[in-house]
């Protein structure tokens, strides 16, 4: 396909109003076709064709432009100018909040938009689940405000548009009057069958038992509320098809999906939203606020439409600004894997053991004190826009070490416990407005 075409002739360049005047000379003033064609500089065969193409009432009336198309018809575009303008406004908005999208993400989003609007699209779009590279190149040419650039490094303080985030959060709080049990944060973390062992005290030149290699990865998505509660986790297993027996030993009520990479994608995010709605019982009459981290899997029009239909108001957290239980959870999981391996000599941890290990470690990390302290540290609940001015806000909180099999002494002082984060969930959603959702920092409302 020719992406840059330069005209070599002036054919089909006659203005529509000029063509209408020439036809009027022929049909109304009874001038010959050849004479009118020579007068207006039009090919006489072309003029003869338009004498039958332009409606008679327009020729005999006072219309200045014909209703039919004159000249070459441009290539059919998938989106209408209005839809494409909304797509451009989203891309610009995402760039303004320091979450500029890569070309592939825009191509996937364009396919989802075309599919949601039931527009005709090329077969390659349906086959690859994304817009073509040729379409993207033409899209950039039609909108010179956009360009493919290399991201520039920026400090956290500069990348955090605090006024925008807390302004939208305050507007949502006032509009829906959310209670603490209706404010949720979702975060996900990857767990491998090979852990980083805790430090031990032993004789020099002596090691400890640990997993031999990295192993496959399982993603775990957790959601906790500002009142200190949580819902059962959602697992993503590194498989093509999900089977119910994968959840053996998982916390009661857990759900799961499968993707070959083990990471959450758009389909698994939609499945997580179904799991979230089942557990929280939210609805359009009783909405919930869900804070999401900035991850490409959350950029799903189908997922956001489902969220809006079921009363899930989604809001994106700023990039790299999170207080989460995932840090303490990983520490507890490492300790739980250590204990499992010491109690199961000669065996290796597999992905089928991870749900049971998470069931042991999650209650130790996601305590009510840790969760509520995380919401407070981020200034989400109670609402405190000035909390982000504190410099040390991006680290996960330490948690009391899990038992490795030996009982802790009761007279030993408790380890310091900083506010353990809530799974900070965030993702800027596009300013596109489809049937269901609006994608931007105020994603679904």
Foldseek 3Di string as FASTA:
>chain_A
DDLDDDDPDCPQVDDQLLLLVLLLCCPPVVDDLVVSCVVSVHDSVLSVVVNVVFDPCCSPDDDRGTPDDGGDDDDDDQDDPVQLVQLVQQQVQCVVLVNHDDPFLSFLLVLLQSVQVVTDDDPVCVVVNGHDPSVSSVSCVVPVVDDDDDDDDDDPVVNHPLCVQLVVLVVVCVVQVDDQLQEKEKAKDKDWLWADADDDDDDPPDDADTFDDGHAIKMWMWMATLQLGTAFIEIEALDPFDDPLLLVQAPPLYYYGYHNRNDAAQVVLLVVVVSVCVGSVAALVRAGEYEAEADSRVQHPVSLLVCQRGRYFYAFDRHLFFFALVVQLSQQLSLLSLLVCVVPPPDGDHSSCVNNSSRVRVCQRSGSQLANLQCVQSCSVVNDSPSVVDPPRRDAWHGFGDDNPDDDDPPDDTDDTHRGHHNGRGHAFGCRDDPGWGGGSRTGD
